mmCIF file of all heavy atoms, coordinates in Angstrom:
data_MODEL
# 
_entry.id   MODEL 
# 
loop_
_atom_site.group_PDB 
_atom_site.id 
_atom_site.type_symbol 
_atom_site.label_atom_id 
_atom_site.label_alt_id 
_atom_site.label_comp_id 
_atom_site.label_asym_id 
_atom_site.label_entity_id 
_atom_site.label_seq_id 
_atom_site.pdbx_PDB_ins_code 
_atom_site.Cartn_x 
_atom_site.Cartn_y 
_atom_site.Cartn_z 
_atom_site.occupancy 
_atom_site.B_iso_or_equiv 
_atom_site.pdbx_formal_charge 
_atom_site.auth_seq_id 
_atom_site.auth_comp_id 
_atom_site.auth_asym_id 
_atom_site.auth_atom_id 
_atom_site.pdbx_PDB_model_num 
ATOM 1   N N   . VAL A 1 1  ? -7.285 -60.770 -19.457 1.00 0.00 ? 1  VAL A N   1 
ATOM 2   C CA  . VAL A 1 1  ? -6.684 -60.034 -20.569 1.00 0.00 ? 1  VAL A CA  1 
ATOM 3   C C   . VAL A 1 1  ? -5.985 -61.042 -21.468 1.00 0.00 ? 1  VAL A C   1 
ATOM 4   O O   . VAL A 1 1  ? -5.054 -61.722 -21.054 1.00 0.00 ? 1  VAL A O   1 
ATOM 5   C CB  . VAL A 1 1  ? -5.689 -58.976 -20.061 1.00 0.00 ? 1  VAL A CB  1 
ATOM 6   C CG1 . VAL A 1 1  ? -5.061 -58.233 -21.223 1.00 0.00 ? 1  VAL A CG1 1 
ATOM 7   C CG2 . VAL A 1 1  ? -6.378 -58.021 -19.105 1.00 0.00 ? 1  VAL A CG2 1 
ATOM 8   N N   . LEU A 1 2  ? -6.457 -61.157 -22.687 1.00 0.00 ? 2  LEU A N   1 
ATOM 9   C CA  . LEU A 1 2  ? -5.857 -62.068 -23.644 1.00 0.00 ? 2  LEU A CA  1 
ATOM 10  C C   . LEU A 1 2  ? -4.750 -61.362 -24.405 1.00 0.00 ? 2  LEU A C   1 
ATOM 11  O O   . LEU A 1 2  ? -4.852 -60.163 -24.695 1.00 0.00 ? 2  LEU A O   1 
ATOM 12  C CB  . LEU A 1 2  ? -6.917 -62.577 -24.627 1.00 0.00 ? 2  LEU A CB  1 
ATOM 13  C CG  . LEU A 1 2  ? -8.044 -63.397 -24.021 1.00 0.00 ? 2  LEU A CG  1 
ATOM 14  C CD1 . LEU A 1 2  ? -9.084 -63.708 -25.093 1.00 0.00 ? 2  LEU A CD1 1 
ATOM 15  C CD2 . LEU A 1 2  ? -7.516 -64.668 -23.412 1.00 0.00 ? 2  LEU A CD2 1 
ATOM 16  N N   . PRO A 1 3  ? -3.670 -62.088 -24.731 1.00 0.00 ? 3  PRO A N   1 
ATOM 17  C CA  . PRO A 1 3  ? -2.601 -61.440 -25.500 1.00 0.00 ? 3  PRO A CA  1 
ATOM 18  C C   . PRO A 1 3  ? -3.083 -61.101 -26.902 1.00 0.00 ? 3  PRO A C   1 
ATOM 19  O O   . PRO A 1 3  ? -3.885 -61.822 -27.496 1.00 0.00 ? 3  PRO A O   1 
ATOM 20  C CB  . PRO A 1 3  ? -1.492 -62.496 -25.535 1.00 0.00 ? 3  PRO A CB  1 
ATOM 21  C CG  . PRO A 1 3  ? -2.171 -63.791 -25.293 1.00 0.00 ? 3  PRO A CG  1 
ATOM 22  C CD  . PRO A 1 3  ? -3.373 -63.487 -24.440 1.00 0.00 ? 3  PRO A CD  1 
ATOM 23  N N   . VAL A 1 4  ? -2.578 -60.020 -27.417 1.00 0.00 ? 4  VAL A N   1 
ATOM 24  C CA  . VAL A 1 4  ? -2.943 -59.576 -28.761 1.00 0.00 ? 4  VAL A CA  1 
ATOM 25  C C   . VAL A 1 4  ? -1.765 -59.895 -29.676 1.00 0.00 ? 4  VAL A C   1 
ATOM 26  O O   . VAL A 1 4  ? -0.642 -59.472 -29.427 1.00 0.00 ? 4  VAL A O   1 
ATOM 27  C CB  . VAL A 1 4  ? -3.242 -58.062 -28.784 1.00 0.00 ? 4  VAL A CB  1 
ATOM 28  C CG1 . VAL A 1 4  ? -3.548 -57.593 -30.197 1.00 0.00 ? 4  VAL A CG1 1 
ATOM 29  C CG2 . VAL A 1 4  ? -4.386 -57.741 -27.844 1.00 0.00 ? 4  VAL A CG2 1 
ATOM 30  N N   . PHE A 1 5  ? -2.038 -60.680 -30.701 1.00 0.00 ? 5  PHE A N   1 
ATOM 31  C CA  . PHE A 1 5  ? -1.010 -61.034 -31.664 1.00 0.00 ? 5  PHE A CA  1 
ATOM 32  C C   . PHE A 1 5  ? -1.184 -60.177 -32.901 1.00 0.00 ? 5  PHE A C   1 
ATOM 33  O O   . PHE A 1 5  ? -2.292 -59.972 -33.375 1.00 0.00 ? 5  PHE A O   1 
ATOM 34  C CB  . PHE A 1 5  ? -1.101 -62.513 -32.049 1.00 0.00 ? 5  PHE A CB  1 
ATOM 35  C CG  . PHE A 1 5  ? -0.851 -63.440 -30.896 1.00 0.00 ? 5  PHE A CG  1 
ATOM 36  C CD1 . PHE A 1 5  ? -1.891 -64.105 -30.274 1.00 0.00 ? 5  PHE A CD1 1 
ATOM 37  C CD2 . PHE A 1 5  ? 0.435  -63.633 -30.426 1.00 0.00 ? 5  PHE A CD2 1 
ATOM 38  C CE1 . PHE A 1 5  ? -1.661 -64.956 -29.222 1.00 0.00 ? 5  PHE A CE1 1 
ATOM 39  C CE2 . PHE A 1 5  ? 0.682  -64.480 -29.367 1.00 0.00 ? 5  PHE A CE2 1 
ATOM 40  C CZ  . PHE A 1 5  ? -0.366 -65.151 -28.763 1.00 0.00 ? 5  PHE A CZ  1 
ATOM 41  N N   . ARG A 1 6  ? -0.072 -59.714 -33.425 1.00 0.00 ? 6  ARG A N   1 
ATOM 42  C CA  . ARG A 1 6  ? -0.164 -58.930 -34.650 1.00 0.00 ? 6  ARG A CA  1 
ATOM 43  C C   . ARG A 1 6  ? -0.168 -59.877 -35.838 1.00 0.00 ? 6  ARG A C   1 
ATOM 44  O O   . ARG A 1 6  ? 0.304  -61.002 -35.759 1.00 0.00 ? 6  ARG A O   1 
ATOM 45  C CB  . ARG A 1 6  ? 0.984  -57.939 -34.758 1.00 0.00 ? 6  ARG A CB  1 
ATOM 46  C CG  . ARG A 1 6  ? 2.348  -58.564 -34.926 1.00 0.00 ? 6  ARG A CG  1 
ATOM 47  C CD  . ARG A 1 6  ? 3.408  -57.470 -35.060 1.00 0.00 ? 6  ARG A CD  1 
ATOM 48  N NE  . ARG A 1 6  ? 4.706  -58.056 -35.235 1.00 0.00 ? 6  ARG A NE  1 
ATOM 49  C CZ  . ARG A 1 6  ? 5.226  -58.405 -36.406 1.00 0.00 ? 6  ARG A CZ  1 
ATOM 50  N NH1 . ARG A 1 6  ? 4.557  -58.196 -37.508 1.00 0.00 ? 6  ARG A NH1 1 
ATOM 51  N NH2 . ARG A 1 6  ? 6.420  -58.946 -36.488 1.00 0.00 ? 6  ARG A NH2 1 
ATOM 52  N N   . GLU A 1 7  ? -0.724 -59.423 -36.906 1.00 0.00 ? 7  GLU A N   1 
ATOM 53  C CA  . GLU A 1 7  ? -0.783 -60.228 -38.125 1.00 0.00 ? 7  GLU A CA  1 
ATOM 54  C C   . GLU A 1 7  ? 0.634  -60.417 -38.662 1.00 0.00 ? 7  GLU A C   1 
ATOM 55  O O   . GLU A 1 7  ? 1.372  -59.451 -38.832 1.00 0.00 ? 7  GLU A O   1 
ATOM 56  C CB  . GLU A 1 7  ? -1.666 -59.536 -39.160 1.00 0.00 ? 7  GLU A CB  1 
ATOM 57  C CG  . GLU A 1 7  ? -2.007 -60.374 -40.354 1.00 0.00 ? 7  GLU A CG  1 
ATOM 58  C CD  . GLU A 1 7  ? -2.902 -61.550 -40.024 1.00 0.00 ? 7  GLU A CD  1 
ATOM 59  O OE1 . GLU A 1 7  ? -3.715 -61.454 -39.085 1.00 0.00 ? 7  GLU A OE1 1 
ATOM 60  O OE2 . GLU A 1 7  ? -2.778 -62.574 -40.703 1.00 0.00 ? 7  GLU A OE2 1 
ATOM 61  N N   . GLU A 1 8  ? 1.008  -61.668 -38.909 1.00 0.00 ? 8  GLU A N   1 
ATOM 62  C CA  . GLU A 1 8  ? 2.358  -61.973 -39.370 1.00 0.00 ? 8  GLU A CA  1 
ATOM 63  C C   . GLU A 1 8  ? 2.331  -62.177 -40.872 1.00 0.00 ? 8  GLU A C   1 
ATOM 64  O O   . GLU A 1 8  ? 1.603  -63.031 -41.385 1.00 0.00 ? 8  GLU A O   1 
ATOM 65  C CB  . GLU A 1 8  ? 2.849  -63.241 -38.662 1.00 0.00 ? 8  GLU A CB  1 
ATOM 66  C CG  . GLU A 1 8  ? 4.277  -63.594 -38.945 1.00 0.00 ? 8  GLU A CG  1 
ATOM 67  C CD  . GLU A 1 8  ? 4.724  -64.813 -38.160 1.00 0.00 ? 8  GLU A CD  1 
ATOM 68  O OE1 . GLU A 1 8  ? 3.928  -65.757 -38.000 1.00 0.00 ? 8  GLU A OE1 1 
ATOM 69  O OE2 . GLU A 1 8  ? 5.864  -64.816 -37.711 1.00 0.00 ? 8  GLU A OE2 1 
ATOM 70  N N   . GLY A 1 9  ? 3.110  -61.393 -41.578 1.00 0.00 ? 9  GLY A N   1 
ATOM 71  C CA  . GLY A 1 9  ? 3.170  -61.506 -43.031 1.00 0.00 ? 9  GLY A CA  1 
ATOM 72  C C   . GLY A 1 9  ? 4.080  -62.643 -43.466 1.00 0.00 ? 9  GLY A C   1 
ATOM 73  O O   . GLY A 1 9  ? 4.735  -63.302 -42.655 1.00 0.00 ? 9  GLY A O   1 
ATOM 74  N N   . PHE A 1 10 ? 4.135  -62.871 -44.772 1.00 0.00 ? 10 PHE A N   1 
ATOM 75  C CA  . PHE A 1 10 ? 4.948  -63.959 -45.312 1.00 0.00 ? 10 PHE A CA  1 
ATOM 76  C C   . PHE A 1 10 ? 6.422  -63.771 -44.984 1.00 0.00 ? 10 PHE A C   1 
ATOM 77  O O   . PHE A 1 10 ? 7.098  -64.699 -44.554 1.00 0.00 ? 10 PHE A O   1 
ATOM 78  C CB  . PHE A 1 10 ? 4.755  -64.069 -46.828 1.00 0.00 ? 10 PHE A CB  1 
ATOM 79  C CG  . PHE A 1 10 ? 5.649  -65.102 -47.459 1.00 0.00 ? 10 PHE A CG  1 
ATOM 80  C CD1 . PHE A 1 10 ? 5.339  -66.446 -47.353 1.00 0.00 ? 10 PHE A CD1 1 
ATOM 81  C CD2 . PHE A 1 10 ? 6.800  -64.733 -48.132 1.00 0.00 ? 10 PHE A CD2 1 
ATOM 82  C CE1 . PHE A 1 10 ? 6.169  -67.410 -47.927 1.00 0.00 ? 10 PHE A CE1 1 
ATOM 83  C CE2 . PHE A 1 10 ? 7.636  -65.672 -48.702 1.00 0.00 ? 10 PHE A CE2 1 
ATOM 84  C CZ  . PHE A 1 10 ? 7.323  -67.018 -48.601 1.00 0.00 ? 10 PHE A CZ  1 
ATOM 85  N N   . GLY A 1 11 ? 6.928  -62.560 -45.183 1.00 0.00 ? 11 GLY A N   1 
ATOM 86  C CA  . GLY A 1 11 ? 8.347  -62.296 -44.928 1.00 0.00 ? 11 GLY A CA  1 
ATOM 87  C C   . GLY A 1 11 ? 8.717  -62.480 -43.469 1.00 0.00 ? 11 GLY A C   1 
ATOM 88  O O   . GLY A 1 11 ? 9.759  -63.069 -43.150 1.00 0.00 ? 11 GLY A O   1 
ATOM 89  N N   . ASP A 1 12 ? 7.865  -61.983 -42.572 1.00 0.00 ? 12 ASP A N   1 
ATOM 90  C CA  . ASP A 1 12 ? 8.129  -62.138 -41.140 1.00 0.00 ? 12 ASP A CA  1 
ATOM 91  C C   . ASP A 1 12 ? 8.112  -63.606 -40.736 1.00 0.00 ? 12 ASP A C   1 
ATOM 92  O O   . ASP A 1 12 ? 8.962  -64.065 -39.969 1.00 0.00 ? 12 ASP A O   1 
ATOM 93  C CB  . ASP A 1 12 ? 7.088  -61.374 -40.310 1.00 0.00 ? 12 ASP A CB  1 
ATOM 94  C CG  . ASP A 1 12 ? 7.170  -59.875 -40.515 1.00 0.00 ? 12 ASP A CG  1 
ATOM 95  O OD1 . ASP A 1 12 ? 8.275  -59.383 -40.832 1.00 0.00 ? 12 ASP A OD1 1 
ATOM 96  O OD2 . ASP A 1 12 ? 6.134  -59.205 -40.368 1.00 0.00 ? 12 ASP A OD2 1 
ATOM 97  N N   . LYS A 1 13 ? 7.157  -64.343 -41.250 1.00 0.00 ? 13 LYS A N   1 
ATOM 98  C CA  . LYS A 1 13 ? 7.057  -65.768 -40.919 1.00 0.00 ? 13 LYS A CA  1 
ATOM 99  C C   . LYS A 1 13 ? 8.254  -66.535 -41.474 1.00 0.00 ? 13 LYS A C   1 
ATOM 100 O O   . LYS A 1 13 ? 8.812  -67.405 -40.810 1.00 0.00 ? 13 LYS A O   1 
ATOM 101 C CB  . LYS A 1 13 ? 5.753  -66.346 -41.466 1.00 0.00 ? 13 LYS A CB  1 
ATOM 102 C CG  . LYS A 1 13 ? 5.521  -67.774 -41.055 1.00 0.00 ? 13 LYS A CG  1 
ATOM 103 C CD  . LYS A 1 13 ? 4.161  -68.257 -41.490 1.00 0.00 ? 13 LYS A CD  1 
ATOM 104 C CE  . LYS A 1 13 ? 3.910  -69.666 -41.006 1.00 0.00 ? 13 LYS A CE  1 
ATOM 105 N NZ  . LYS A 1 13 ? 2.585  -70.149 -41.368 1.00 0.00 ? 13 LYS A NZ  1 
ATOM 106 N N   . PHE A 1 14 ? 8.663  -66.196 -42.706 1.00 0.00 ? 14 PHE A N   1 
ATOM 107 C CA  . PHE A 1 14 ? 9.818  -66.860 -43.311 1.00 0.00 ? 14 PHE A CA  1 
ATOM 108 C C   . PHE A 1 14 ? 11.074 -66.620 -42.486 1.00 0.00 ? 14 PHE A C   1 
ATOM 109 O O   . PHE A 1 14 ? 11.840 -67.552 -42.219 1.00 0.00 ? 14 PHE A O   1 
ATOM 110 C CB  . PHE A 1 14 ? 10.016 -66.364 -44.751 1.00 0.00 ? 14 PHE A CB  1 
ATOM 111 C CG  . PHE A 1 14 ? 11.195 -66.985 -45.437 1.00 0.00 ? 14 PHE A CG  1 
ATOM 112 C CD1 . PHE A 1 14 ? 11.109 -68.281 -45.927 1.00 0.00 ? 14 PHE A CD1 1 
ATOM 113 C CD2 . PHE A 1 14 ? 12.371 -66.288 -45.584 1.00 0.00 ? 14 PHE A CD2 1 
ATOM 114 C CE1 . PHE A 1 14 ? 12.197 -68.868 -46.558 1.00 0.00 ? 14 PHE A CE1 1 
ATOM 115 C CE2 . PHE A 1 14 ? 13.471 -66.862 -46.210 1.00 0.00 ? 14 PHE A CE2 1 
ATOM 116 C CZ  . PHE A 1 14 ? 13.382 -68.153 -46.700 1.00 0.00 ? 14 PHE A CZ  1 
ATOM 117 N N   . LEU A 1 15 ? 11.291 -65.375 -42.076 1.00 0.00 ? 15 LEU A N   1 
ATOM 118 C CA  . LEU A 1 15 ? 12.473 -65.075 -41.259 1.00 0.00 ? 15 LEU A CA  1 
ATOM 119 C C   . LEU A 1 15 ? 12.422 -65.780 -39.910 1.00 0.00 ? 15 LEU A C   1 
ATOM 120 O O   . LEU A 1 15 ? 13.438 -66.293 -39.427 1.00 0.00 ? 15 LEU A O   1 
ATOM 121 C CB  . LEU A 1 15 ? 12.608 -63.562 -41.068 1.00 0.00 ? 15 LEU A CB  1 
ATOM 122 C CG  . LEU A 1 15 ? 13.021 -62.780 -42.307 1.00 0.00 ? 15 LEU A CG  1 
ATOM 123 C CD1 . LEU A 1 15 ? 12.999 -61.280 -42.021 1.00 0.00 ? 15 LEU A CD1 1 
ATOM 124 C CD2 . LEU A 1 15 ? 14.393 -63.207 -42.775 1.00 0.00 ? 15 LEU A CD2 1 
ATOM 125 N N   . ARG A 1 16 ? 11.257 -65.830 -39.292 1.00 0.00 ? 16 ARG A N   1 
ATOM 126 C CA  . ARG A 1 16 ? 11.120 -66.501 -37.994 1.00 0.00 ? 16 ARG A CA  1 
ATOM 127 C C   . ARG A 1 16 ? 11.409 -67.995 -38.130 1.00 0.00 ? 16 ARG A C   1 
ATOM 128 O O   . ARG A 1 16 ? 12.166 -68.567 -37.348 1.00 0.00 ? 16 ARG A O   1 
ATOM 129 C CB  . ARG A 1 16 ? 9.722  -66.279 -37.429 1.00 0.00 ? 16 ARG A CB  1 
ATOM 130 C CG  . ARG A 1 16 ? 9.494  -66.957 -36.076 1.00 0.00 ? 16 ARG A CG  1 
ATOM 131 C CD  . ARG A 1 16 ? 8.120  -66.642 -35.515 1.00 0.00 ? 16 ARG A CD  1 
ATOM 132 N NE  . ARG A 1 16 ? 7.016  -66.985 -36.396 1.00 0.00 ? 16 ARG A NE  1 
ATOM 133 C CZ  . ARG A 1 16 ? 6.474  -68.202 -36.473 1.00 0.00 ? 16 ARG A CZ  1 
ATOM 134 N NH1 . ARG A 1 16 ? 6.915  -69.184 -35.737 1.00 0.00 ? 16 ARG A NH1 1 
ATOM 135 N NH2 . ARG A 1 16 ? 5.461  -68.411 -37.293 1.00 0.00 ? 16 ARG A NH2 1 
ATOM 136 N N   . LYS A 1 17 ? 10.840 -68.611 -39.147 1.00 0.00 ? 17 LYS A N   1 
ATOM 137 C CA  . LYS A 1 17 ? 11.063 -70.043 -39.360 1.00 0.00 ? 17 LYS A CA  1 
ATOM 138 C C   . LYS A 1 17 ? 12.517 -70.332 -39.725 1.00 0.00 ? 17 LYS A C   1 
ATOM 139 O O   . LYS A 1 17 ? 13.069 -71.358 -39.334 1.00 0.00 ? 17 LYS A O   1 
ATOM 140 C CB  . LYS A 1 17 ? 10.144 -70.573 -40.464 1.00 0.00 ? 17 LYS A CB  1 
ATOM 141 C CG  . LYS A 1 17 ? 8.679  -70.554 -40.114 1.00 0.00 ? 17 LYS A CG  1 
ATOM 142 C CD  . LYS A 1 17 ? 8.362  -71.646 -39.141 1.00 0.00 ? 17 LYS A CD  1 
ATOM 143 C CE  . LYS A 1 17 ? 6.871  -71.772 -38.944 1.00 0.00 ? 17 LYS A CE  1 
ATOM 144 N NZ  . LYS A 1 17 ? 6.530  -72.842 -38.027 1.00 0.00 ? 17 LYS A NZ  1 
ATOM 145 N N   . THR A 1 18 ? 13.146 -69.428 -40.483 1.00 0.00 ? 18 THR A N   1 
ATOM 146 C CA  . THR A 1 18 ? 14.554 -69.612 -40.836 1.00 0.00 ? 18 THR A CA  1 
ATOM 147 C C   . THR A 1 18 ? 15.441 -69.520 -39.605 1.00 0.00 ? 18 THR A C   1 
ATOM 148 O O   . THR A 1 18 ? 16.404 -70.283 -39.471 1.00 0.00 ? 18 THR A O   1 
ATOM 149 C CB  . THR A 1 18 ? 14.978 -68.571 -41.884 1.00 0.00 ? 18 THR A CB  1 
ATOM 150 O OG1 . THR A 1 18 ? 14.143 -68.722 -43.032 1.00 0.00 ? 18 THR A OG1 1 
ATOM 151 C CG2 . THR A 1 18 ? 16.417 -68.741 -42.292 1.00 0.00 ? 18 THR A CG2 1 
ATOM 152 N N   . ARG A 1 19 ? 15.114 -68.608 -38.698 1.00 0.00 ? 19 ARG A N   1 
ATOM 153 C CA  . ARG A 1 19 ? 15.892 -68.512 -37.457 1.00 0.00 ? 19 ARG A CA  1 
ATOM 154 C C   . ARG A 1 19 ? 15.687 -69.740 -36.574 1.00 0.00 ? 19 ARG A C   1 
ATOM 155 O O   . ARG A 1 19 ? 16.606 -70.165 -35.885 1.00 0.00 ? 19 ARG A O   1 
ATOM 156 C CB  . ARG A 1 19 ? 15.506 -67.254 -36.691 1.00 0.00 ? 19 ARG A CB  1 
ATOM 157 C CG  . ARG A 1 19 ? 16.044 -65.999 -37.314 1.00 0.00 ? 19 ARG A CG  1 
ATOM 158 C CD  . ARG A 1 19 ? 15.774 -64.785 -36.439 1.00 0.00 ? 19 ARG A CD  1 
ATOM 159 N NE  . ARG A 1 19 ? 15.858 -63.583 -37.222 1.00 0.00 ? 19 ARG A NE  1 
ATOM 160 C CZ  . ARG A 1 19 ? 14.829 -62.829 -37.588 1.00 0.00 ? 19 ARG A CZ  1 
ATOM 161 N NH1 . ARG A 1 19 ? 13.617 -63.131 -37.193 1.00 0.00 ? 19 ARG A NH1 1 
ATOM 162 N NH2 . ARG A 1 19 ? 15.003 -61.765 -38.324 1.00 0.00 ? 19 ARG A NH2 1 
ATOM 163 N N   . GLU A 1 20 ? 14.476 -70.292 -36.576 1.00 0.00 ? 20 GLU A N   1 
ATOM 164 C CA  . GLU A 1 20 ? 14.193 -71.473 -35.762 1.00 0.00 ? 20 GLU A CA  1 
ATOM 165 C C   . GLU A 1 20 ? 14.938 -72.698 -36.281 1.00 0.00 ? 20 GLU A C   1 
ATOM 166 O O   . GLU A 1 20 ? 15.409 -73.511 -35.497 1.00 0.00 ? 20 GLU A O   1 
ATOM 167 C CB  . GLU A 1 20 ? 12.694 -71.768 -35.743 1.00 0.00 ? 20 GLU A CB  1 
ATOM 168 C CG  . GLU A 1 20 ? 11.886 -70.797 -34.931 1.00 0.00 ? 20 GLU A CG  1 
ATOM 169 C CD  . GLU A 1 20 ? 10.394 -71.052 -35.047 1.00 0.00 ? 20 GLU A CD  1 
ATOM 170 O OE1 . GLU A 1 20 ? 9.980  -72.039 -35.705 1.00 0.00 ? 20 GLU A OE1 1 
ATOM 171 O OE2 . GLU A 1 20 ? 9.619  -70.262 -34.484 1.00 0.00 ? 20 GLU A OE2 1 
ATOM 172 N N   . ASN A 1 21 ? 15.007 -72.878 -37.594 1.00 0.00 ? 21 ASN A N   1 
ATOM 173 C CA  . ASN A 1 21 ? 15.654 -74.040 -38.180 1.00 0.00 ? 21 ASN A CA  1 
ATOM 174 C C   . ASN A 1 21 ? 16.399 -73.621 -39.443 1.00 0.00 ? 21 ASN A C   1 
ATOM 175 O O   . ASN A 1 21 ? 15.884 -73.754 -40.556 1.00 0.00 ? 21 ASN A O   1 
ATOM 176 C CB  . ASN A 1 21 ? 14.605 -75.116 -38.494 1.00 0.00 ? 21 ASN A CB  1 
ATOM 177 C CG  . ASN A 1 21 ? 15.234 -76.452 -38.792 1.00 0.00 ? 21 ASN A CG  1 
ATOM 178 O OD1 . ASN A 1 21 ? 16.442 -76.591 -38.795 1.00 0.00 ? 21 ASN A OD1 1 
ATOM 179 N ND2 . ASN A 1 21 ? 14.408 -77.441 -39.055 1.00 0.00 ? 21 ASN A ND2 1 
ATOM 180 N N   . PRO A 1 22 ? 17.633 -73.127 -39.307 1.00 0.00 ? 22 PRO A N   1 
ATOM 181 C CA  . PRO A 1 22 ? 18.356 -72.595 -40.470 1.00 0.00 ? 22 PRO A CA  1 
ATOM 182 C C   . PRO A 1 22 ? 18.835 -73.668 -41.447 1.00 0.00 ? 22 PRO A C   1 
ATOM 183 O O   . PRO A 1 22 ? 19.201 -73.347 -42.570 1.00 0.00 ? 22 PRO A O   1 
ATOM 184 C CB  . PRO A 1 22 ? 19.539 -71.858 -39.839 1.00 0.00 ? 22 PRO A CB  1 
ATOM 185 C CG  . PRO A 1 22 ? 19.741 -72.506 -38.527 1.00 0.00 ? 22 PRO A CG  1 
ATOM 186 C CD  . PRO A 1 22 ? 18.389 -72.954 -38.061 1.00 0.00 ? 22 PRO A CD  1 
ATOM 187 N N   . LEU A 1 23 ? 18.823 -74.935 -41.062 1.00 0.00 ? 23 LEU A N   1 
ATOM 188 C CA  . LEU A 1 23 ? 19.329 -75.968 -41.959 1.00 0.00 ? 23 LEU A CA  1 
ATOM 189 C C   . LEU A 1 23 ? 18.377 -76.268 -43.116 1.00 0.00 ? 23 LEU A C   1 
ATOM 190 O O   . LEU A 1 23 ? 18.818 -76.705 -44.183 1.00 0.00 ? 23 LEU A O   1 
ATOM 191 C CB  . LEU A 1 23 ? 19.601 -77.255 -41.176 1.00 0.00 ? 23 LEU A CB  1 
ATOM 192 C CG  . LEU A 1 23 ? 20.720 -77.169 -40.145 1.00 0.00 ? 23 LEU A CG  1 
ATOM 193 C CD1 . LEU A 1 23 ? 20.857 -78.487 -39.417 1.00 0.00 ? 23 LEU A CD1 1 
ATOM 194 C CD2 . LEU A 1 23 ? 22.027 -76.777 -40.797 1.00 0.00 ? 23 LEU A CD2 1 
ATOM 195 N N   . VAL A 1 24 ? 17.092 -76.037 -42.939 1.00 0.00 ? 24 VAL A N   1 
ATOM 196 C CA  . VAL A 1 24 ? 16.133 -76.344 -44.011 1.00 0.00 ? 24 VAL A CA  1 
ATOM 197 C C   . VAL A 1 24 ? 16.319 -75.407 -45.211 1.00 0.00 ? 24 VAL A C   1 
ATOM 198 O O   . VAL A 1 24 ? 16.462 -75.892 -46.341 1.00 0.00 ? 24 VAL A O   1 
ATOM 199 C CB  . VAL A 1 24 ? 14.684 -76.330 -43.480 1.00 0.00 ? 24 VAL A CB  1 
ATOM 200 C CG1 . VAL A 1 24 ? 13.685 -76.468 -44.614 1.00 0.00 ? 24 VAL A CG1 1 
ATOM 201 C CG2 . VAL A 1 24 ? 14.481 -77.441 -42.464 1.00 0.00 ? 24 VAL A CG2 1 
ATOM 202 N N   . PRO A 1 25 ? 16.334 -74.085 -45.039 1.00 0.00 ? 25 PRO A N   1 
ATOM 203 C CA  . PRO A 1 25 ? 16.569 -73.235 -46.215 1.00 0.00 ? 25 PRO A CA  1 
ATOM 204 C C   . PRO A 1 25 ? 17.955 -73.463 -46.835 1.00 0.00 ? 25 PRO A C   1 
ATOM 205 O O   . PRO A 1 25 ? 18.101 -73.421 -48.054 1.00 0.00 ? 25 PRO A O   1 
ATOM 206 C CB  . PRO A 1 25 ? 16.465 -71.805 -45.678 1.00 0.00 ? 25 PRO A CB  1 
ATOM 207 C CG  . PRO A 1 25 ? 15.745 -71.919 -44.407 1.00 0.00 ? 25 PRO A CG  1 
ATOM 208 C CD  . PRO A 1 25 ? 16.018 -73.274 -43.868 1.00 0.00 ? 25 PRO A CD  1 
ATOM 209 N N   . LEU A 1 26 ? 18.941 -73.761 -45.996 1.00 0.00 ? 26 LEU A N   1 
ATOM 210 C CA  . LEU A 1 26 ? 20.277 -74.046 -46.516 1.00 0.00 ? 26 LEU A CA  1 
ATOM 211 C C   . LEU A 1 26 ? 20.252 -75.317 -47.364 1.00 0.00 ? 26 LEU A C   1 
ATOM 212 O O   . LEU A 1 26 ? 20.851 -75.374 -48.442 1.00 0.00 ? 26 LEU A O   1 
ATOM 213 C CB  . LEU A 1 26 ? 21.264 -74.196 -45.358 1.00 0.00 ? 26 LEU A CB  1 
ATOM 214 C CG  . LEU A 1 26 ? 22.719 -74.388 -45.722 1.00 0.00 ? 26 LEU A CG  1 
ATOM 215 C CD1 . LEU A 1 26 ? 23.244 -73.154 -46.429 1.00 0.00 ? 26 LEU A CD1 1 
ATOM 216 C CD2 . LEU A 1 26 ? 23.530 -74.670 -44.474 1.00 0.00 ? 26 LEU A CD2 1 
ATOM 217 N N   . GLY A 1 27 ? 19.543 -76.335 -46.900 1.00 0.00 ? 27 GLY A N   1 
ATOM 218 C CA  . GLY A 1 27 ? 19.415 -77.569 -47.667 1.00 0.00 ? 27 GLY A CA  1 
ATOM 219 C C   . GLY A 1 27 ? 18.667 -77.357 -48.973 1.00 0.00 ? 27 GLY A C   1 
ATOM 220 O O   . GLY A 1 27 ? 19.009 -77.958 -50.002 1.00 0.00 ? 27 GLY A O   1 
ATOM 221 N N   . CYS A 1 28 ? 17.635 -76.508 -48.927 1.00 0.00 ? 28 CYS A N   1 
ATOM 222 C CA  . CYS A 1 28 ? 16.884 -76.195 -50.158 1.00 0.00 ? 28 CYS A CA  1 
ATOM 223 C C   . CYS A 1 28 ? 17.783 -75.505 -51.177 1.00 0.00 ? 28 CYS A C   1 
ATOM 224 O O   . CYS A 1 28 ? 17.759 -75.841 -52.369 1.00 0.00 ? 28 CYS A O   1 
ATOM 225 C CB  . CYS A 1 28 ? 15.677 -75.331 -49.845 1.00 0.00 ? 28 CYS A CB  1 
ATOM 226 S SG  . CYS A 1 28 ? 14.381 -76.189 -48.950 1.00 0.00 ? 28 CYS A SG  1 
ATOM 227 N N   . LEU A 1 29 ? 18.580 -74.557 -50.724 1.00 0.00 ? 29 LEU A N   1 
ATOM 228 C CA  . LEU A 1 29 ? 19.501 -73.862 -51.632 1.00 0.00 ? 29 LEU A CA  1 
ATOM 229 C C   . LEU A 1 29 ? 20.534 -74.827 -52.205 1.00 0.00 ? 29 LEU A C   1 
ATOM 230 O O   . LEU A 1 29 ? 20.868 -74.765 -53.395 1.00 0.00 ? 29 LEU A O   1 
ATOM 231 C CB  . LEU A 1 29 ? 20.196 -72.710 -50.910 1.00 0.00 ? 29 LEU A CB  1 
ATOM 232 C CG  . LEU A 1 29 ? 19.343 -71.484 -50.635 1.00 0.00 ? 29 LEU A CG  1 
ATOM 233 C CD1 . LEU A 1 29 ? 20.112 -70.482 -49.781 1.00 0.00 ? 29 LEU A CD1 1 
ATOM 234 C CD2 . LEU A 1 29 ? 18.897 -70.838 -51.930 1.00 0.00 ? 29 LEU A CD2 1 
# 
């Protein structure tokens, strides 16, 4: 049984990446 991944939209991916490394968006701002 292979895991089923749901399609990740831009907003979901952005939030996930921001939670993983919050200093990058802060530095961009």
